[in-house]
Protein backbone atom coordinates (compact mmCIF):
# COMPACT_ATOMS: atom_id res chain seq x y z
CA MET A 1 82.12 124.62 95.91
CA ASN A 2 79.85 122.15 93.61
CA GLY A 3 79.76 122.93 89.55
CA LYS A 4 80.82 120.90 86.40
CA ILE A 5 84.24 119.01 86.26
CA LEU A 6 85.14 118.76 82.73
CA LEU A 7 86.93 115.34 82.05
CA LEU A 8 88.98 115.49 78.78
CA SER A 9 89.66 112.22 77.39
CA GLY A 10 91.18 110.38 74.55
CA PRO A 11 91.06 107.56 71.82
CA PHE A 12 94.68 106.26 71.57
CA GLY A 13 94.03 103.24 73.97
CA GLU A 14 91.05 102.00 76.51
CA GLY A 15 92.80 103.52 79.54
CA HIS A 16 92.31 107.09 78.89
CA LYS A 17 88.73 106.57 78.55
CA GLN A 18 88.22 103.94 81.55
CA ALA A 19 90.14 106.66 83.93
CA ALA A 20 87.53 109.08 82.73
CA GLN A 21 84.49 107.01 83.26
CA ALA A 22 85.86 106.03 86.89
CA LEU A 23 85.92 109.63 88.14
CA LEU A 24 82.80 110.34 86.60
CA GLU A 25 81.16 107.21 88.14
CA THR A 26 82.79 107.98 91.73
CA CYS A 27 81.88 111.64 91.42
CA ARG A 28 78.14 110.97 90.88
CA LEU A 29 78.44 108.36 94.28
CA ALA A 30 80.55 110.66 96.37
CA LYS A 31 79.32 113.96 95.29
CA PRO A 32 76.07 113.89 93.44
CA ASP A 33 75.78 117.79 93.27
CA ALA A 34 78.53 117.95 91.16
CA GLU A 35 78.21 117.86 87.65
CA PRO A 36 80.91 115.52 85.75
CA VAL A 37 81.34 115.54 81.85
CA ILE A 38 83.49 113.44 79.44
CA VAL A 39 84.83 115.11 76.32
CA ASP A 40 86.57 113.17 73.80
CA PHE A 41 89.56 115.62 73.20
CA MET A 42 90.58 114.40 69.68
CA GLU A 43 87.12 114.20 68.66
CA TRP A 44 86.10 117.53 69.78
CA THR A 45 89.10 119.33 68.55
CA LEU A 46 89.76 117.53 65.33
CA PRO A 47 86.32 115.72 64.34
CA ARG A 48 87.26 114.90 61.12
CA LEU A 49 90.62 113.38 61.59
CA HIS A 50 89.08 111.35 65.07
CA GLY A 51 88.36 108.05 63.35
CA ILE A 52 91.72 108.16 61.22
CA SER A 53 94.19 109.27 63.71
CA LYS A 54 92.50 106.39 66.22
CA ALA A 55 92.77 103.62 63.61
CA VAL A 56 96.30 104.79 62.33
CA PHE A 57 97.49 104.96 66.03
CA HIS A 58 96.35 101.24 67.15
CA GLN A 59 97.78 100.15 63.87
CA GLY A 60 100.90 101.45 64.02
CA VAL A 61 101.59 100.32 67.74
CA GLN A 62 100.82 96.60 66.92
CA LYS A 63 102.24 96.38 63.49
CA PHE A 64 105.16 98.39 64.53
CA PRO A 65 105.85 98.09 68.27
CA SER A 66 109.83 98.67 68.32
CA VAL A 67 109.10 102.05 66.51
CA TYR A 68 106.96 103.21 69.26
CA GLY A 69 109.30 102.17 71.80
CA TYR A 70 111.99 103.89 70.32
CA LEU A 71 109.78 106.93 70.45
CA PHE A 72 108.85 106.91 73.82
CA ARG A 73 112.44 106.44 75.12
CA HIS A 74 113.59 108.79 73.22
CA THR A 75 111.44 111.66 74.21
CA ARG A 76 110.91 110.44 78.14
CA LYS A 77 112.54 113.71 79.39
CA GLY A 78 111.79 115.91 76.33
CA SER A 79 113.44 116.23 72.85
CA THR A 80 113.03 117.66 69.41
CA LEU A 81 110.81 114.90 68.76
CA THR A 82 108.16 116.11 71.14
CA SER A 83 108.30 119.40 69.05
CA LEU A 84 105.74 118.21 66.47
CA PRO A 85 102.59 117.43 68.84
CA GLY A 86 103.58 120.66 70.62
CA ARG A 87 102.71 122.72 67.30
CA LEU A 88 99.66 120.49 66.53
CA ARG A 89 98.12 121.29 69.73
CA TRP A 90 97.35 124.81 68.64
CA TYR A 91 94.86 123.95 66.43
CA GLY A 92 92.47 122.98 68.50
CA LEU A 93 92.82 125.41 71.03
CA LYS A 94 89.91 127.27 69.54
CA ARG A 95 87.40 124.71 69.90
CA ILE A 96 88.80 123.76 73.55
CA VAL A 97 88.06 127.71 74.33
CA LYS A 98 84.55 127.07 73.03
CA LEU A 99 84.20 123.98 75.17
CA LEU A 100 84.99 125.97 78.05
CA ASP A 101 82.64 128.54 77.62
CA GLU A 102 79.74 126.16 76.97
CA VAL A 103 80.69 123.52 79.72
CA ASP A 104 81.86 126.48 82.41
CA PRO A 105 83.61 123.78 84.62
CA THR A 106 84.78 124.62 88.01
CA VAL A 107 88.08 122.28 87.21
CA VAL A 108 89.37 120.77 84.06
CA VAL A 109 90.89 116.98 84.50
CA SER A 110 93.06 115.66 81.72
CA THR A 111 93.18 111.82 81.27
CA PHE A 112 94.96 112.23 77.98
CA PRO A 113 98.08 113.52 77.40
CA LEU A 114 97.42 115.99 74.30
CA ALA A 115 94.53 117.67 76.23
CA ALA A 116 96.92 118.09 79.17
CA ALA A 117 99.03 119.80 76.72
CA ALA A 118 96.52 121.84 75.36
CA MET A 119 95.17 123.14 78.61
CA SER A 120 98.63 123.81 79.65
CA ALA A 121 98.83 126.19 76.75
CA LEU A 122 95.69 127.82 77.23
CA LYS A 123 96.27 128.92 81.03
CA MET A 124 99.83 129.94 79.88
CA ALA A 125 98.58 132.30 77.05
CA GLY A 126 96.50 133.34 79.97
CA LEU A 127 93.21 132.28 78.00
CA THR A 128 92.08 130.69 80.98
CA ASP A 129 92.22 130.50 84.62
CA ILE A 130 90.16 127.29 85.32
CA PRO A 131 92.41 124.70 87.64
CA THR A 132 93.88 121.86 85.68
CA VAL A 133 94.54 118.54 86.86
CA THR A 134 96.47 115.98 84.74
CA VAL A 135 95.77 112.18 85.89
CA ILE A 136 98.69 109.71 84.62
CA THR A 137 97.26 106.40 83.20
CA ASP A 138 100.38 104.42 83.58
CA HIS A 139 102.75 103.66 86.42
CA THR A 140 105.20 105.53 84.84
CA ASP A 141 105.92 109.11 83.82
CA HIS A 142 106.89 110.77 80.65
CA SER A 143 107.31 114.30 79.35
CA TYR A 144 104.26 114.12 77.26
CA TRP A 145 102.35 114.49 80.65
CA VAL A 146 104.51 117.34 81.81
CA HIS A 147 103.44 120.90 80.87
CA PRO A 148 104.08 124.09 82.88
CA GLY A 149 100.28 124.97 83.03
CA THR A 150 99.26 121.96 85.49
CA ASP A 151 98.27 122.95 88.48
CA LEU A 152 97.98 119.21 89.81
CA TYR A 153 99.15 115.60 88.77
CA VAL A 154 97.44 112.69 90.32
CA VAL A 155 99.40 109.72 89.85
CA GLY A 156 99.48 105.84 90.66
CA SER A 157 102.72 105.58 92.79
CA GLU A 158 105.49 106.76 94.36
CA LYS A 159 107.87 105.62 91.37
CA VAL A 160 105.64 108.35 89.05
CA ARG A 161 105.96 110.82 91.89
CA ARG A 162 109.71 110.75 91.64
CA GLY A 163 110.08 110.89 88.17
CA LEU A 164 108.19 113.89 88.18
CA LEU A 165 109.95 115.43 90.88
CA GLU A 166 113.28 114.86 88.46
CA SER A 167 111.20 116.75 85.68
CA GLY A 168 111.03 119.79 87.58
CA VAL A 169 107.50 119.54 88.86
CA PRO A 170 107.16 120.83 92.58
CA ASP A 171 105.94 117.89 95.24
CA SER A 172 103.23 120.11 96.48
CA ARG A 173 101.70 119.73 93.06
CA ILE A 174 101.51 116.10 93.13
CA GLU A 175 99.04 113.46 94.74
CA VAL A 176 99.94 109.93 94.85
CA THR A 177 96.50 108.44 94.77
CA GLY A 178 96.62 105.32 92.69
CA ILE A 179 95.11 105.35 89.21
CA PRO A 180 91.53 105.77 89.05
CA VAL A 181 89.29 102.56 88.93
CA ARG A 182 85.74 102.69 88.69
CA PRO A 183 83.56 102.30 91.77
CA PRO A 184 82.67 98.12 91.53
CA PHE A 185 86.54 97.32 91.63
CA CYS A 186 86.73 99.45 94.87
CA SER A 187 85.16 96.78 97.29
CA GLY A 188 88.56 94.54 96.56
CA ALA A 189 88.00 90.93 96.09
CA ALA A 190 87.77 89.28 99.46
CA GLY A 191 88.36 85.17 99.24
CA THR A 192 84.61 85.09 100.52
CA LYS A 193 83.24 86.66 97.20
CA ARG A 194 84.98 84.39 95.00
CA THR A 195 82.79 81.22 95.51
CA ALA A 196 79.44 83.36 94.83
CA LEU A 197 80.92 84.97 91.87
CA ARG A 198 81.43 82.05 90.26
CA ALA A 199 78.05 80.48 90.69
CA LYS A 200 76.49 83.84 89.37
CA LEU A 201 78.74 83.82 86.01
CA GLY A 202 77.94 80.05 85.58
CA LEU A 203 81.57 78.85 86.81
CA SER A 204 82.71 75.61 88.55
CA ALA A 205 83.65 76.11 92.46
CA ASP A 206 85.49 73.09 91.97
CA LYS A 207 88.11 73.91 89.57
CA PRO A 208 90.62 77.28 89.23
CA VAL A 209 89.79 80.16 87.01
CA LEU A 210 92.41 81.85 84.36
CA LEU A 211 91.46 84.75 82.77
CA LEU A 212 93.13 85.80 79.50
CA MET A 213 92.75 89.52 78.17
CA GLY A 214 94.20 91.46 75.45
CA GLY A 215 93.11 95.00 76.80
CA GLY A 216 90.19 96.91 75.17
CA TYR A 217 91.35 96.12 71.67
CA GLY A 218 91.87 92.36 71.85
CA MET A 219 95.76 92.28 71.45
CA MET A 220 95.74 88.74 72.16
CA HIS A 221 99.55 87.01 71.29
CA GLU A 222 99.58 83.55 69.76
CA GLY A 223 101.10 82.11 73.04
CA MET A 224 98.21 83.38 75.30
CA ILE A 225 95.83 81.39 72.31
CA ARG A 226 97.94 78.48 72.57
CA LEU A 227 97.66 78.67 76.33
CA MET A 228 93.66 78.47 75.61
CA THR A 229 93.43 75.40 73.64
CA SER A 230 96.35 74.00 75.96
CA ALA A 231 94.29 74.15 78.99
CA ALA A 232 90.85 73.65 77.28
CA ARG A 233 92.37 70.13 76.26
CA THR A 234 93.81 68.88 79.31
CA GLY A 235 91.02 70.25 81.47
CA SER A 236 92.81 71.31 84.33
CA MET A 237 91.08 75.07 84.55
CA GLN A 238 88.33 77.06 83.44
CA VAL A 239 89.57 79.93 81.05
CA VAL A 240 87.52 82.90 80.63
CA VAL A 241 88.97 84.71 77.24
CA VAL A 242 87.90 88.52 77.42
CA CYS A 243 88.79 89.56 73.52
CA GLY A 244 87.49 93.14 74.33
CA HIS A 245 85.91 95.20 70.90
CA ASN A 246 88.18 92.96 68.75
CA ASN A 247 84.81 90.80 67.40
CA LYS A 248 87.46 89.35 64.62
CA LEU A 249 89.83 87.81 67.32
CA ARG A 250 86.54 86.28 68.95
CA LEU A 251 85.64 84.40 65.32
CA LYS A 252 88.99 83.61 65.20
CA LEU A 253 89.28 81.81 68.48
CA GLU A 254 85.45 80.31 67.78
CA GLU A 255 86.95 78.60 64.89
CA ARG A 256 89.93 77.40 66.47
CA LEU A 257 88.21 75.75 69.29
CA ARG A 258 86.21 74.11 67.18
CA ASN A 259 89.11 72.93 64.96
CA GLU A 260 90.70 71.30 67.85
CA SER A 261 87.70 70.05 69.73
CA ALA A 262 89.04 71.75 72.75
CA GLY A 263 85.96 74.21 73.66
CA GLY A 264 84.91 72.46 76.94
CA GLY A 265 85.98 74.76 79.86
CA VAL A 266 86.60 77.91 77.72
CA ARG A 267 84.30 80.90 77.87
CA LEU A 268 85.07 83.50 75.24
CA THR A 269 83.40 87.01 75.54
CA GLY A 270 83.71 90.35 74.06
CA PHE A 271 83.77 93.86 75.56
CA VAL A 272 82.45 93.14 79.12
CA ARG A 273 80.60 95.56 81.52
CA ASN A 274 81.15 93.45 84.53
CA MET A 275 84.81 93.07 84.38
CA GLU A 276 84.97 93.40 88.16
CA GLU A 277 82.86 90.09 88.36
CA TYR A 278 85.35 88.05 86.02
CA MET A 279 88.39 89.43 88.10
CA GLY A 280 86.77 88.39 91.45
CA ALA A 281 85.96 85.18 90.57
CA ALA A 282 89.35 84.29 88.93
CA ASP A 283 92.21 82.91 90.24
CA LEU A 284 94.91 84.41 88.03
CA VAL A 285 95.04 86.56 85.09
CA VAL A 286 97.39 86.91 81.80
CA THR A 287 97.33 90.30 80.46
CA LYS A 288 99.06 92.87 79.00
CA PRO A 289 100.18 95.41 81.45
CA GLY A 290 98.03 98.44 80.76
CA GLY A 291 98.09 101.03 83.26
CA LEU A 292 94.30 100.64 84.39
CA THR A 293 93.49 97.00 83.61
CA THR A 294 96.41 95.68 86.26
CA SER A 295 95.33 98.67 88.62
CA GLU A 296 91.87 96.85 88.37
CA ALA A 297 93.59 93.97 88.97
CA ILE A 298 95.26 95.06 92.20
CA ALA A 299 92.44 96.70 93.44
CA MET A 300 90.48 92.96 92.92
CA GLN A 301 93.54 91.41 94.48
CA LEU A 302 93.98 88.96 91.47
CA PRO A 303 97.69 87.83 90.61
CA MET A 304 98.99 88.82 87.02
CA VAL A 305 101.17 87.45 84.49
CA LEU A 306 102.28 89.80 81.73
CA TYR A 307 103.39 88.55 78.47
CA LYS A 308 104.52 90.78 75.87
CA PRO A 309 104.11 93.95 76.90
CA LEU A 310 105.00 96.59 74.23
CA PRO A 311 107.94 98.82 74.30
CA GLY A 312 107.29 102.12 75.84
CA GLN A 313 104.71 102.61 79.04
CA GLU A 314 103.88 98.74 79.17
CA GLU A 315 107.41 97.82 79.39
CA ASP A 316 107.81 100.63 82.54
CA ASN A 317 104.11 99.09 83.94
CA ALA A 318 105.79 95.47 84.30
CA GLU A 319 108.86 96.64 85.84
CA PHE A 320 106.67 98.13 88.21
CA LEU A 321 104.38 95.29 88.74
CA THR A 322 107.27 92.75 88.58
CA GLY A 323 109.29 94.70 91.39
CA ALA A 324 106.23 95.14 93.91
CA GLN A 325 105.69 91.49 93.34
CA VAL A 326 102.19 91.51 92.53
CA ALA A 327 102.77 89.83 88.97
CA VAL A 328 105.27 87.42 87.35
CA ARG A 329 106.52 88.23 83.37
CA ALA A 330 106.55 85.19 80.83
CA SER A 331 108.78 86.18 78.13
CA ASP A 332 107.54 83.36 75.61
CA GLU A 333 105.07 80.90 74.73
CA THR A 334 106.99 77.93 76.79
CA GLU A 335 107.52 80.04 79.70
CA LEU A 336 103.98 81.35 79.79
CA GLU A 337 102.84 77.83 80.40
CA ARG A 338 105.05 77.13 82.71
CA VAL A 339 104.52 80.05 84.74
CA VAL A 340 100.79 79.88 84.63
CA THR A 341 100.94 75.97 85.32
CA ALA A 342 102.91 76.55 88.40
CA LEU A 343 100.98 79.67 89.68
CA ILE A 344 97.48 77.71 89.60
CA GLY A 345 99.23 74.88 91.27
CA ARG A 346 100.56 76.84 93.82
CA PRO A 347 97.58 78.93 96.13
CA GLN A 348 99.82 79.84 98.68
CA ARG A 349 102.18 82.03 96.17
CA LEU A 350 98.50 83.36 95.08
CA ALA A 351 97.98 84.54 98.83
CA VAL A 352 101.55 86.06 98.89
CA MET A 353 100.79 88.23 95.65
CA ARG A 354 97.73 89.27 96.90
CA ARG A 355 98.86 90.50 100.15
CA ASN A 356 101.41 92.37 98.46
CA MET A 357 98.73 94.23 96.53
CA GLU A 358 97.13 95.47 99.65
CA ARG A 359 100.23 97.47 100.29
CA LEU A 360 99.80 99.19 97.20
CA HIS A 361 96.22 100.76 98.57
CA MET A 362 94.32 101.06 95.02
CA GLU A 363 91.06 99.71 96.40
CA ARG A 364 90.17 103.40 96.73
CA SER A 365 92.15 105.15 94.46
CA SER A 366 89.13 106.49 92.41
CA PHE A 367 87.77 108.34 95.33
CA ARG A 368 91.11 109.72 96.91
CA ALA A 369 91.69 110.94 93.17
CA LEU A 370 88.34 112.83 93.28
CA GLU A 371 89.25 114.28 96.74
CA ALA A 372 92.49 115.54 95.37
CA ILE A 373 90.60 117.31 92.15
CA LEU A 374 87.95 118.51 94.36
CA ALA A 375 90.95 120.42 96.47
CA ALA A 376 92.61 121.51 93.36
CA ARG A 377 89.58 123.92 92.61
CA HIS A 378 90.38 126.18 95.55
CA CYS A 379 94.23 126.63 95.08
CA PRO A 380 95.38 126.95 91.61
CA VAL A 381 99.16 127.10 90.99
CA PRO A 382 100.41 130.82 90.43
CA ARG A 383 101.71 131.73 87.17
CA TRP A 384 105.32 132.27 88.44
CA GLU A 385 105.53 129.00 89.85
CA ARG A 386 104.43 127.30 86.70
CA SER A 387 107.14 129.27 84.72
CA ALA A 388 109.81 126.93 87.06
CA VAL A 389 108.37 123.62 85.15
CA ARG A 390 110.24 122.32 82.19
CA VAL A 391 107.86 122.08 79.27
CA GLY A 392 107.27 118.47 77.88
CA ILE A 393 105.15 119.18 74.82
């Protein structure tokens, strides 16, 4: 059975959008007869508040991270704090019903928690019987993902599966596939490709390459910026800095390099569409531990240094990645420079981290996720089984 696959994404973090895009591209490769459609849940349901809500979220996370972390921790398994978005979701339900009528999908996939909540509400109210899949885009579980009308959870690791089981989700409704990454990342990063990729990108084959990333919105701490200028002055490595959509940051870094006469060996970029090539060319990446970015790095077998994760899911992601020994964490500027210098100078340690990444099997994650999603179209969960699951939002 082919037909349309509706992918509901959201604006709060680049990872939700990238996971949906990964599934869309994978579907076009593996199931060309199917019709994937991506819709931004917030833009569709609350078009007048879409831009404002996006700006408020990102400003709030950056300026008040401790508040976000507090809310994340105290709503992990459900509490009174989760009731507010539970009430808010009803305002968009009529719009979602209209969307389902227009698209007429055979399955709905949510990569955004509020979309998952809305689809669950529709199913529990008897307004739709379309199979509903939730793709969790971090290496952790949380109550805002867990809803009684969800037919299947696609998750990135056994750790997330165990968390869902503790929340009352039956094991039969969980598939561990890895977090979906775009098909270009699914070929892995064999060492034989690194030289060719460096030549293609205009990077030297003789010096190690360090990648600095601050996520899609370029949230880059001062310690990462100082590491950039220090590496540029010493000439010990090539540095590629990905500023994402943050053009203000890019201009700031260009000015900083000019003022310190340290531009040699540093390349500044905005949002790039060939990130798999930069990851394949690099020896090491310093990054925020977002779910999608780190999954892409694992698929490309690129060792990571995690710097100052945000409280909440990034802290959980960092714990998972360091526990799997595919990443090292640095807590301050001094430690960051020490850790990066030590790892760049120890290729054997980097090789061990790459082998650990192979054990996580994320290089085919999007294809496994798509197979699970397509299978869910044939076996939606009966209503009586849904009622046994604890409600998150």
